[in-house]
Amino acid sequence: MELESPAINEVKAGDKFRVNLPEDHTDGYTWQLNSDELNRAQIQELNAVWHGTKKGIDFNFKALAAGQQTLTFVKRKYIDTLSVKSFIVKIKED
């Protein structure tokens, strides 16, 4: 996923996809998925992998069923929020 909201990213049901966000651990801020909004019948959260300051963090997912939802990520340190990014995912049937 590269297109932030209001653009729509399309994937097929059964496909894996990822969202990459820049993350530098020296400033204490980290990206977190707002998983309370995640419809787990449509999208499965697989894992998150940090690749270092230059490559950032990958949030990995699998599209399960057709539909559309928004993945929202919050960059925060403790309760201090620095940034919010949203990605709209439209899942199509095979």
Protein backbone atom coordinates (compact mmCIF):
# COMPACT_ATOMS: atom_id res chain seq x y z
CA MET A 1 0.00 0.00 0.00
CA GLU A 2 1.40 3.31 -0.98
CA LEU A 3 -1.65 5.48 -1.52
CA GLU A 4 -2.89 7.34 1.53
CA SER A 5 -6.56 8.19 2.01
CA PRO A 6 -8.60 9.42 0.14
CA ALA A 7 -6.97 7.29 -2.60
CA ILE A 8 -8.06 3.64 -2.73
CA ASN A 9 -5.62 0.70 -2.81
CA GLU A 10 -7.01 -2.44 -4.47
CA VAL A 11 -6.04 -6.02 -3.64
CA LYS A 12 -7.60 -9.40 -4.37
CA ALA A 13 -9.06 -11.69 -1.72
CA GLY A 14 -6.34 -14.14 -0.70
CA ASP A 15 -3.47 -11.73 -1.46
CA LYS A 16 -0.95 -10.58 1.10
CA PHE A 17 -0.05 -6.89 1.24
CA ARG A 18 1.91 -4.49 3.40
CA VAL A 19 1.98 -0.90 4.52
CA ASN A 20 5.47 0.59 4.96
CA LEU A 21 5.91 3.64 7.19
CA PRO A 22 9.09 5.55 8.06
CA GLU A 23 10.15 4.94 11.65
CA ASP A 24 13.24 6.18 13.51
CA HIS A 25 13.50 4.70 16.99
CA THR A 26 15.91 7.42 18.16
CA ASP A 27 13.03 9.90 18.59
CA GLY A 28 10.97 7.50 20.71
CA TYR A 29 7.94 7.57 18.38
CA THR A 30 6.56 4.33 16.91
CA TRP A 31 3.73 3.54 14.50
CA GLN A 32 0.77 1.55 15.79
CA LEU A 33 -2.19 0.10 13.90
CA ASN A 34 -5.54 1.19 15.31
CA SER A 35 -6.69 -2.42 15.43
CA ASP A 36 -10.01 -1.57 17.12
CA GLU A 37 -11.29 -0.54 13.67
CA LEU A 38 -9.99 -3.65 11.87
CA ASN A 39 -12.70 -5.94 10.46
CA ARG A 40 -10.98 -9.29 11.02
CA ALA A 41 -13.44 -11.05 8.69
CA GLN A 42 -11.98 -9.03 5.80
CA ILE A 43 -8.34 -8.41 6.74
CA GLN A 44 -5.98 -10.51 8.82
CA GLU A 45 -3.12 -8.71 10.57
CA LEU A 46 -0.04 -10.93 10.13
CA ASN A 47 2.86 -9.09 11.78
CA ALA A 48 4.98 -5.95 11.85
CA VAL A 49 8.69 -5.92 11.02
CA TRP A 50 11.04 -3.01 11.62
CA HIS A 51 13.84 -2.84 9.03
CA GLY A 52 15.86 0.01 10.52
CA THR A 53 15.79 3.78 10.27
CA LYS A 54 16.29 3.91 6.48
CA LYS A 55 13.66 1.29 5.53
CA GLY A 56 11.09 1.84 8.29
CA ILE A 57 8.45 -0.60 9.47
CA ASP A 58 6.30 -3.00 7.42
CA PHE A 59 2.82 -3.89 8.65
CA ASN A 60 1.86 -7.16 6.91
CA PHE A 61 -1.71 -8.22 6.19
CA LYS A 62 -3.76 -10.78 4.26
CA ALA A 63 -6.97 -9.86 2.41
CA LEU A 64 -9.63 -12.43 3.34
CA ALA A 65 -12.96 -11.33 1.85
CA ALA A 66 -14.37 -8.71 -0.52
CA GLY A 67 -15.21 -5.33 0.93
CA GLN A 68 -13.58 -2.05 1.83
CA GLN A 69 -12.11 -0.65 5.00
CA THR A 70 -9.65 1.95 6.19
CA LEU A 71 -6.44 1.02 8.01
CA THR A 72 -5.44 3.79 10.41
CA PHE A 73 -1.94 4.07 11.87
CA VAL A 74 -0.96 6.40 14.71
CA LYS A 75 2.60 7.57 15.36
CA ARG A 76 2.96 8.13 19.08
CA LYS A 77 5.22 8.13 22.08
CA TYR A 78 3.33 7.11 25.20
CA ILE A 79 0.13 9.19 24.87
CA ASP A 80 1.65 11.94 22.69
CA THR A 81 0.42 11.55 19.09
CA LEU A 82 2.68 13.00 16.40
CA SER A 83 0.97 11.85 13.19
CA VAL A 84 -1.94 9.79 11.81
CA LYS A 85 -2.00 8.07 8.39
CA SER A 86 -4.94 6.24 6.82
CA PHE A 87 -5.01 3.81 3.89
CA ILE A 88 -8.26 2.70 2.24
CA VAL A 89 -8.18 -0.94 1.14
CA LYS A 90 -10.70 -2.29 -1.38
CA ILE A 91 -10.68 -6.07 -1.58
CA LYS A 92 -11.98 -7.61 -4.81
CA GLU A 93 -13.06 -11.17 -5.43
CA ASP A 94 -10.53 -13.36 -7.29
